[in-house]
């Protein structure tokens, strides 16, 4: 009996250890493979483009190696650069494929703005919406001031943006307000260029002023959608990780 009592805790501890084992983290090469698989679904040519870049850089290394009579050394040196070239192509094509998948969907601009790293605070719900056409306006606050991003045809969303601009101007005490229309029409910014367009806005406020403006515009709230709570008919919050291929 004593022997049984001494061995049973060991058995229970081993089973507990097995059940509470750590979940394995996804390796970086698994993430790269997932990004490649997702990109290849909408961009089948990515395989051949990556291969062409890889072989092109290696071939250039061979030529340089023959010219300087250091073939093996330059060839070995060119392989890492060839891999980097292939990864660069994959990253760019994956980004393009991600934007292509969400382009035209309500809330796509919010997903694109989610790639901005720091310095901006965007509402997770539209601040203005046309329930009939699903034209949307999102608001962000940063050092350049307040930016209002509208989704929809220019002749419709322009009016929605202007109405929101007037509403916002009443509470921001002269802080800059930038209007951006997302789309492929004249005077609009393509979705894939939206983050870069916002990043290029010139800083005009201090950090303290940004905090004050943010508090004031937050008091305006978001748009009141005529639907039951818990339902988001605009689907304005796409998966941001999916855009980055992760």
C-alpha atoms as a PDB file:
ATOM      1  CA  UNK A   1       0.000   0.000   0.000  1.00  0.00           C
ATOM      2  CA  UNK A   2       2.835   2.334   0.839  1.00  0.00           C
ATOM      3  CA  UNK A   3       4.332   1.656  -2.561  1.00  0.00           C
ATOM      4  CA  UNK A   4       1.045   2.468  -4.259  1.00  0.00           C
ATOM      5  CA  UNK A   5       0.721   5.741  -2.378  1.00  0.00           C
ATOM      6  CA  UNK A   6       4.250   6.747  -3.339  1.00  0.00           C
ATOM      7  CA  UNK A   7       3.796   6.061  -7.049  1.00  0.00           C
ATOM      8  CA  UNK A   8       0.336   7.560  -7.601  1.00  0.00           C
ATOM      9  CA  UNK A   9       1.404  11.205  -7.223  1.00  0.00           C
ATOM     10  CA  UNK A  10       4.024  10.683  -9.903  1.00  0.00           C
ATOM     11  CA  UNK A  11       1.429   9.397 -12.310  1.00  0.00           C
ATOM     12  CA  UNK A  12      -0.919  12.316 -11.616  1.00  0.00           C
ATOM     13  CA  UNK A  13       1.856  14.878 -11.984  1.00  0.00           C
ATOM     14  CA  UNK A  14       2.934  13.438 -15.339  1.00  0.00           C
ATOM     15  CA  UNK A  15      -0.620  13.489 -16.669  1.00  0.00           C
ATOM     16  CA  UNK A  16      -1.076  17.049 -15.438  1.00  0.00           C
ATOM     17  CA  UNK A  17       2.158  18.096 -17.097  1.00  0.00           C
ATOM     18  CA  UNK A  18       1.010  16.573 -20.361  1.00  0.00           C
ATOM     19  CA  UNK A  19      -2.352  18.326 -20.203  1.00  0.00           C
ATOM     20  CA  UNK A  20      -0.837  21.711 -19.362  1.00  0.00           C
ATOM     21  CA  UNK A  21       1.917  21.586 -21.947  1.00  0.00           C
ATOM     22  CA  UNK A  22       2.787  24.825 -23.720  1.00  0.00           C
ATOM     23  CA  UNK A  23       1.229  25.497 -27.089  1.00  0.00           C
ATOM     24  CA  UNK A  24       3.856  25.544 -29.795  1.00  0.00           C
ATOM     25  CA  UNK A  25       4.450  28.949 -31.369  1.00  0.00           C
ATOM     26  CA  UNK A  26       4.146  29.363 -35.103  1.00  0.00           C
ATOM     27  CA  UNK A  27       7.576  29.479 -36.651  1.00  0.00           C
ATOM     28  CA  UNK A  28       8.483  32.317 -38.996  1.00  0.00           C
ATOM     29  CA  UNK A  29       8.854  29.968 -41.948  1.00  0.00           C
ATOM     30  CA  UNK A  30       5.331  28.656 -41.303  1.00  0.00           C
ATOM     31  CA  UNK A  31       4.061  32.237 -41.493  1.00  0.00           C
ATOM     32  CA  UNK A  32       5.944  32.771 -44.751  1.00  0.00           C
ATOM     33  CA  UNK A  33       4.461  29.589 -46.191  1.00  0.00           C
ATOM     34  CA  UNK A  34       0.941  30.616 -45.137  1.00  0.00           C
ATOM     35  CA  UNK A  35       1.434  34.043 -46.712  1.00  0.00           C
ATOM     36  CA  UNK A  36       2.667  32.372 -49.915  1.00  0.00           C
ATOM     37  CA  UNK A  37      -0.326  30.011 -50.036  1.00  0.00           C
ATOM     38  CA  UNK A  38      -2.816  32.830 -49.501  1.00  0.00           C
ATOM     39  CA  UNK A  39      -1.132  35.042 -52.094  1.00  0.00           C
ATOM     40  CA  UNK A  40      -0.937  32.253 -54.668  1.00  0.00           C
ATOM     41  CA  UNK A  41      -4.717  31.753 -54.518  1.00  0.00           C
ATOM     42  CA  UNK A  42      -5.376  35.210 -55.948  1.00  0.00           C
ATOM     43  CA  UNK A  43      -2.023  35.724 -57.697  1.00  0.00           C
ATOM     44  CA  UNK A  44      -0.843  32.450 -59.301  1.00  0.00           C
ATOM     45  CA  UNK A  45       2.033  34.234 -61.045  1.00  0.00           C
ATOM     46  CA  UNK A  46       3.772  34.947 -57.740  1.00  0.00           C
ATOM     47  CA  UNK A  47       5.561  31.571 -57.836  1.00  0.00           C
ATOM     48  CA  UNK A  48       7.208  32.248 -61.184  1.00  0.00           C
ATOM     49  CA  UNK A  49       8.039  35.853 -60.328  1.00  0.00           C
ATOM     50  CA  UNK A  50       9.766  34.813 -57.103  1.00  0.00           C
ATOM     51  CA  UNK A  51      11.659  32.073 -58.940  1.00  0.00           C
ATOM     52  CA  UNK A  52      12.722  34.496 -61.681  1.00  0.00           C
ATOM     53  CA  UNK A  53      14.018  36.999 -59.128  1.00  0.00           C
ATOM     54  CA  UNK A  54      15.893  34.285 -57.241  1.00  0.00           C
ATOM     55  CA  UNK A  55      17.527  32.831 -60.351  1.00  0.00           C
ATOM     56  CA  UNK A  56      18.242  36.291 -61.749  1.00  0.00           C
ATOM     57  CA  UNK A  57      20.195  37.341 -58.656  1.00  0.00           C
ATOM     58  CA  UNK A  58      22.077  34.029 -58.575  1.00  0.00           C
ATOM     59  CA  UNK A  59      22.918  34.364 -62.292  1.00  0.00           C
ATOM     60  CA  UNK A  60      24.201  37.870 -61.659  1.00  0.00           C
ATOM     61  CA  UNK A  61      26.378  36.476 -58.883  1.00  0.00           C
ATOM     62  CA  UNK A  62      27.777  33.843 -61.254  1.00  0.00           C
ATOM     63  CA  UNK A  63      28.656  36.497 -63.841  1.00  0.00           C
ATOM     64  CA  UNK A  64      30.364  38.693 -61.263  1.00  0.00           C
ATOM     65  CA  UNK A  65      32.187  35.685 -59.815  1.00  0.00           C
ATOM     66  CA  UNK A  66      33.537  34.714 -63.243  1.00  0.00           C
ATOM     67  CA  UNK A  67      34.657  38.268 -63.938  1.00  0.00           C
ATOM     68  CA  UNK A  68      36.645  38.551 -60.719  1.00  0.00           C
ATOM     69  CA  UNK A  69      37.676  34.888 -60.673  1.00  0.00           C
ATOM     70  CA  UNK A  70      35.868  34.238 -57.360  1.00  0.00           C
ATOM     71  CA  UNK A  71      32.972  32.117 -58.556  1.00  0.00           C
ATOM     72  CA  UNK A  72      32.374  29.988 -55.453  1.00  0.00           C
ATOM     73  CA  UNK A  73      32.669  32.899 -53.033  1.00  0.00           C
ATOM     74  CA  UNK A  74      30.343  35.228 -54.959  1.00  0.00           C
ATOM     75  CA  UNK A  75      27.895  32.395 -55.665  1.00  0.00           C
ATOM     76  CA  UNK A  76      27.572  31.596 -51.975  1.00  0.00           C
ATOM     77  CA  UNK A  77      27.211  35.296 -51.244  1.00  0.00           C
ATOM     78  CA  UNK A  78      24.484  35.751 -53.855  1.00  0.00           C
ATOM     79  CA  UNK A  79      22.171  33.052 -52.437  1.00  0.00           C
ATOM     80  CA  UNK A  80      21.131  35.037 -49.310  1.00  0.00           C
ATOM     81  CA  UNK A  81      20.508  38.111 -51.468  1.00  0.00           C
ATOM     82  CA  UNK A  82      18.445  35.976 -53.848  1.00  0.00           C
ATOM     83  CA  UNK A  83      16.335  34.758 -50.911  1.00  0.00           C
ATOM     84  CA  UNK A  84      15.843  38.330 -49.710  1.00  0.00           C
ATOM     85  CA  UNK A  85      14.793  39.334 -53.202  1.00  0.00           C
ATOM     86  CA  UNK A  86      12.214  36.548 -53.295  1.00  0.00           C
ATOM     87  CA  UNK A  87      10.879  37.520 -49.861  1.00  0.00           C
ATOM     88  CA  UNK A  88      10.605  41.155 -50.943  1.00  0.00           C
ATOM     89  CA  UNK A  89       8.556  40.139 -53.979  1.00  0.00           C
ATOM     90  CA  UNK A  90       6.332  37.937 -51.807  1.00  0.00           C
ATOM     91  CA  UNK A  91       5.728  40.757 -49.328  1.00  0.00           C
ATOM     92  CA  UNK A  92       4.712  43.200 -52.049  1.00  0.00           C
ATOM     93  CA  UNK A  93       2.490  40.724 -53.885  1.00  0.00           C
ATOM     94  CA  UNK A  94       0.901  39.579 -50.619  1.00  0.00           C
ATOM     95  CA  UNK A  95       0.050  43.172 -49.751  1.00  0.00           C
ATOM     96  CA  UNK A  96      -1.473  43.742 -53.181  1.00  0.00           C
ATOM     97  CA  UNK A  97      -3.472  40.500 -52.942  1.00  0.00           C
ATOM     98  CA  UNK A  98      -4.773  41.461 -49.489  1.00  0.00           C
ATOM     99  CA  UNK A  99      -6.000  44.835 -50.709  1.00  0.00           C
ATOM    100  CA  UNK A 100      -7.572  43.192 -53.756  1.00  0.00           C
ATOM    101  CA  UNK A 101      -9.583  40.808 -51.557  1.00  0.00           C
ATOM    102  CA  UNK A 102     -11.105  43.556 -49.410  1.00  0.00           C
ATOM    103  CA  UNK A 103     -11.335  46.330 -51.995  1.00  0.00           C
ATOM    104  CA  UNK A 104     -14.912  47.450 -52.509  1.00  0.00           C
ATOM    105  CA  UNK A 105     -16.161  45.957 -49.246  1.00  0.00           C
ATOM    106  CA  UNK A 106     -17.661  48.279 -46.617  1.00  0.00           C
ATOM    107  CA  UNK A 107     -15.053  49.010 -43.960  1.00  0.00           C
ATOM    108  CA  UNK A 108     -12.059  48.213 -46.192  1.00  0.00           C
ATOM    109  CA  UNK A 109     -10.483  51.590 -45.443  1.00  0.00           C
ATOM    110  CA  UNK A 110     -10.504  50.843 -41.710  1.00  0.00           C
ATOM    111  CA  UNK A 111      -8.594  47.617 -42.348  1.00  0.00           C
ATOM    112  CA  UNK A 112      -6.049  49.517 -44.446  1.00  0.00           C
ATOM    113  CA  UNK A 113      -5.676  52.201 -41.778  1.00  0.00           C
ATOM    114  CA  UNK A 114      -5.074  49.452 -39.242  1.00  0.00           C
ATOM    115  CA  UNK A 115      -1.646  48.909 -40.810  1.00  0.00           C
ATOM    116  CA  UNK A 116      -0.502  52.315 -39.493  1.00  0.00           C
ATOM    117  CA  UNK A 117       1.774  51.543 -36.568  1.00  0.00           C
ATOM    118  CA  UNK A 118       1.769  54.561 -34.275  1.00  0.00           C
ATOM    119  CA  UNK A 119       0.599  58.128 -33.961  1.00  0.00           C
ATOM    120  CA  UNK A 120      -3.012  57.672 -35.034  1.00  0.00           C
ATOM    121  CA  UNK A 121      -6.221  56.737 -33.252  1.00  0.00           C
ATOM    122  CA  UNK A 122      -9.080  55.649 -35.498  1.00  0.00           C
ATOM    123  CA  UNK A 123     -12.650  54.868 -34.539  1.00  0.00           C
ATOM    124  CA  UNK A 124     -13.573  51.206 -34.842  1.00  0.00           C
ATOM    125  CA  UNK A 125     -17.067  52.141 -36.003  1.00  0.00           C
ATOM    126  CA  UNK A 126     -18.060  54.639 -38.724  1.00  0.00           C
ATOM    127  CA  UNK A 127     -18.833  58.136 -37.461  1.00  0.00           C
ATOM    128  CA  UNK A 128     -21.229  58.713 -40.357  1.00  0.00           C
ATOM    129  CA  UNK A 129     -23.103  56.228 -42.507  1.00  0.00           C
ATOM    130  CA  UNK A 130     -25.747  56.232 -45.207  1.00  0.00           C
ATOM    131  CA  UNK A 131     -27.866  53.120 -44.449  1.00  0.00           C
ATOM    132  CA  UNK A 132     -29.263  53.034 -47.966  1.00  0.00           C
ATOM    133  CA  UNK A 133     -25.996  53.176 -49.930  1.00  0.00           C
ATOM    134  CA  UNK A 134     -23.602  51.970 -47.178  1.00  0.00           C
ATOM    135  CA  UNK A 135     -21.342  54.983 -47.743  1.00  0.00           C
ATOM    136  CA  UNK A 136     -19.174  55.335 -44.645  1.00  0.00           C
ATOM    137  CA  UNK A 137     -16.975  57.880 -42.920  1.00  0.00           C
ATOM    138  CA  UNK A 138     -14.255  56.924 -40.432  1.00  0.00           C
ATOM    139  CA  UNK A 139     -12.426  59.380 -38.201  1.00  0.00           C
ATOM    140  CA  UNK A 140      -8.832  59.430 -37.013  1.00  0.00           C
ATOM    141  CA  UNK A 141      -6.836  61.784 -34.808  1.00  0.00           C
ATOM    142  CA  UNK A 142      -3.081  62.293 -34.937  1.00  0.00           C
ATOM    143  CA  UNK A 143      -0.366  64.928 -35.034  1.00  0.00           C
ATOM    144  CA  UNK A 144      -1.592  66.294 -38.415  1.00  0.00           C
ATOM    145  CA  UNK A 145      -5.050  66.869 -36.880  1.00  0.00           C
ATOM    146  CA  UNK A 146      -8.345  65.136 -37.611  1.00  0.00           C
ATOM    147  CA  UNK A 147      -8.694  63.016 -40.739  1.00  0.00           C
ATOM    148  CA  UNK A 148     -12.071  61.956 -42.092  1.00  0.00           C
ATOM    149  CA  UNK A 149     -11.950  59.026 -44.509  1.00  0.00           C
ATOM    150  CA  UNK A 150     -14.993  58.425 -46.690  1.00  0.00           C
ATOM    151  CA  UNK A 151     -15.930  55.303 -48.660  1.00  0.00           C
ATOM    152  CA  UNK A 152     -18.233  55.564 -51.629  1.00  0.00           C
ATOM    153  CA  UNK A 153     -18.659  57.275 -55.019  1.00  0.00           C
ATOM    154  CA  UNK A 154     -17.362  60.824 -55.043  1.00  0.00           C
ATOM    155  CA  UNK A 155     -20.707  62.488 -55.787  1.00  0.00           C
ATOM    156  CA  UNK A 156     -22.295  60.805 -52.750  1.00  0.00           C
ATOM    157  CA  UNK A 157     -19.620  60.469 -50.101  1.00  0.00           C
ATOM    158  CA  UNK A 158     -18.460  64.054 -50.625  1.00  0.00           C
ATOM    159  CA  UNK A 159     -21.677  65.348 -49.089  1.00  0.00           C
ATOM    160  CA  UNK A 160     -21.395  62.902 -46.194  1.00  0.00           C
ATOM    161  CA  UNK A 161     -17.803  63.986 -45.549  1.00  0.00           C
ATOM    162  CA  UNK A 162     -18.672  67.675 -45.626  1.00  0.00           C
ATOM    163  CA  UNK A 163     -21.525  67.201 -43.162  1.00  0.00           C
ATOM    164  CA  UNK A 164     -19.185  65.339 -40.797  1.00  0.00           C
ATOM    165  CA  UNK A 165     -16.507  67.992 -41.244  1.00  0.00           C
ATOM    166  CA  UNK A 166     -18.916  70.712 -40.105  1.00  0.00           C
ATOM    167  CA  UNK A 167     -19.996  68.626 -37.135  1.00  0.00           C
ATOM    168  CA  UNK A 168     -16.384  67.948 -36.149  1.00  0.00           C
ATOM    169  CA  UNK A 169     -15.260  71.561 -36.621  1.00  0.00           C
ATOM    170  CA  UNK A 170     -17.649  72.704 -33.909  1.00  0.00           C
ATOM    171  CA  UNK A 171     -15.716  70.842 -31.208  1.00  0.00           C
ATOM    172  CA  UNK A 172     -12.046  70.840 -32.296  1.00  0.00           C
ATOM    173  CA  UNK A 173     -11.414  74.594 -31.891  1.00  0.00           C
ATOM    174  CA  UNK A 174      -9.633  75.201 -35.176  1.00  0.00           C
ATOM    175  CA  UNK A 175      -7.601  71.990 -35.351  1.00  0.00           C
ATOM    176  CA  UNK A 176      -6.849  70.931 -38.955  1.00  0.00           C
ATOM    177  CA  UNK A 177      -9.415  68.610 -40.543  1.00  0.00           C
ATOM    178  CA  UNK A 178      -8.377  66.565 -43.576  1.00  0.00           C
ATOM    179  CA  UNK A 179     -10.907  64.947 -45.920  1.00  0.00           C
ATOM    180  CA  UNK A 180      -9.926  61.825 -47.854  1.00  0.00           C
ATOM    181  CA  UNK A 181     -12.118  59.893 -50.254  1.00  0.00           C
ATOM    182  CA  UNK A 182     -11.195  56.247 -50.856  1.00  0.00           C
ATOM    183  CA  UNK A 183     -11.944  54.810 -54.268  1.00  0.00           C
ATOM    184  CA  UNK A 184     -10.894  54.722 -57.906  1.00  0.00           C
ATOM    185  CA  UNK A 185     -12.778  57.828 -58.999  1.00  0.00           C
ATOM    186  CA  UNK A 186     -11.341  61.206 -59.877  1.00  0.00           C
ATOM    187  CA  UNK A 187      -9.841  62.926 -56.846  1.00  0.00           C
ATOM    188  CA  UNK A 188     -10.066  59.751 -54.759  1.00  0.00           C
ATOM    189  CA  UNK A 189      -7.256  57.776 -53.153  1.00  0.00           C
ATOM    190  CA  UNK A 190      -6.903  54.069 -54.080  1.00  0.00           C
ATOM    191  CA  UNK A 191      -7.239  51.771 -51.082  1.00  0.00           C
ATOM    192  CA  UNK A 192      -3.653  50.485 -51.268  1.00  0.00           C
ATOM    193  CA  UNK A 193      -2.330  54.059 -51.173  1.00  0.00           C
ATOM    194  CA  UNK A 194      -4.464  55.165 -48.228  1.00  0.00           C
ATOM    195  CA  UNK A 195      -1.970  54.404 -45.408  1.00  0.00           C
ATOM    196  CA  UNK A 196       0.812  56.208 -47.271  1.00  0.00           C
ATOM    197  CA  UNK A 197      -1.439  59.205 -47.934  1.00  0.00           C
ATOM    198  CA  UNK A 198      -2.299  59.528 -44.240  1.00  0.00           C
ATOM    199  CA  UNK A 199       1.342  59.079 -43.221  1.00  0.00           C
ATOM    200  CA  UNK A 200       2.429  61.943 -45.499  1.00  0.00           C
ATOM    201  CA  UNK A 201       0.156  64.467 -43.769  1.00  0.00           C
ATOM    202  CA  UNK A 202       2.237  67.145 -42.090  1.00  0.00           C
ATOM    203  CA  UNK A 203       2.270  67.221 -38.275  1.00  0.00           C
ATOM    204  CA  UNK A 204       0.667  70.378 -36.886  1.00  0.00           C
ATOM    205  CA  UNK A 205      -0.330  69.488 -33.315  1.00  0.00           C
ATOM    206  CA  UNK A 206       1.647  68.680 -30.195  1.00  0.00           C
ATOM    207  CA  UNK A 207       1.014  65.479 -28.260  1.00  0.00           C
ATOM    208  CA  UNK A 208      -0.945  67.405 -25.618  1.00  0.00           C
ATOM    209  CA  UNK A 209      -3.093  69.051 -28.283  1.00  0.00           C
ATOM    210  CA  UNK A 210      -3.753  65.663 -29.879  1.00  0.00           C
ATOM    211  CA  UNK A 211      -5.024  64.347 -26.532  1.00  0.00           C
ATOM    212  CA  UNK A 212      -7.373  67.341 -26.159  1.00  0.00           C
ATOM    213  CA  UNK A 213      -8.726  66.999 -29.707  1.00  0.00           C
ATOM    214  CA  UNK A 214      -9.202  63.257 -29.237  1.00  0.00           C
ATOM    215  CA  UNK A 215     -11.289  63.788 -26.108  1.00  0.00           C
ATOM    216  CA  UNK A 216     -13.453  66.356 -27.866  1.00  0.00           C
ATOM    217  CA  UNK A 217     -14.168  64.329 -30.985  1.00  0.00           C
ATOM    218  CA  UNK A 218     -14.809  61.218 -28.884  1.00  0.00           C
ATOM    219  CA  UNK A 219     -17.684  63.080 -27.274  1.00  0.00           C
ATOM    220  CA  UNK A 220     -19.363  63.196 -30.694  1.00  0.00           C
ATOM    221  CA  UNK A 221     -19.710  59.401 -30.622  1.00  0.00           C
ATOM    222  CA  UNK A 222     -20.163  57.113 -33.590  1.00  0.00           C
ATOM    223  CA  UNK A 223     -22.962  56.823 -36.096  1.00  0.00           C
ATOM    224  CA  UNK A 224     -26.221  55.376 -34.794  1.00  0.00           C
ATOM    225  CA  UNK A 225     -27.031  52.463 -37.025  1.00  0.00           C
ATOM    226  CA  UNK A 226     -30.719  51.544 -37.369  1.00  0.00           C
ATOM    227  CA  UNK A 227     -30.142  47.866 -36.509  1.00  0.00           C
ATOM    228  CA  UNK A 228     -30.299  45.688 -33.376  1.00  0.00           C
ATOM    229  CA  UNK A 229     -27.285  45.792 -31.084  1.00  0.00           C
ATOM    230  CA  UNK A 230     -24.532  43.301 -31.771  1.00  0.00           C
ATOM    231  CA  UNK A 231     -25.046  43.327 -35.559  1.00  0.00           C
ATOM    232  CA  UNK A 232     -22.612  45.114 -37.834  1.00  0.00           C
ATOM    233  CA  UNK A 233     -24.263  45.315 -41.277  1.00  0.00           C
ATOM    234  CA  UNK A 234     -21.347  47.256 -42.754  1.00  0.00           C
ATOM    235  CA  UNK A 235     -18.824  44.577 -41.779  1.00  0.00           C
ATOM    236  CA  UNK A 236     -16.465  47.432 -41.071  1.00  0.00           C
ATOM    237  CA  UNK A 237     -13.906  45.454 -39.126  1.00  0.00           C
ATOM    238  CA  UNK A 238     -12.063  43.033 -41.430  1.00  0.00           C
ATOM    239  CA  UNK A 239      -9.258  40.777 -40.182  1.00  0.00           C
ATOM    240  CA  UNK A 240      -6.128  42.942 -40.087  1.00  0.00           C
ATOM    241  CA  UNK A 241      -3.798  39.981 -39.558  1.00  0.00           C
ATOM    242  CA  UNK A 242      -5.099  38.453 -42.749  1.00  0.00           C
ATOM    243  CA  UNK A 243      -3.998  41.558 -44.633  1.00  0.00           C
ATOM    244  CA  UNK A 244      -0.471  41.114 -43.423  1.00  0.00           C
ATOM    245  CA  UNK A 245      -0.435  37.447 -44.395  1.00  0.00           C
ATOM    246  CA  UNK A 246      -0.258  36.202 -40.818  1.00  0.00           C
END
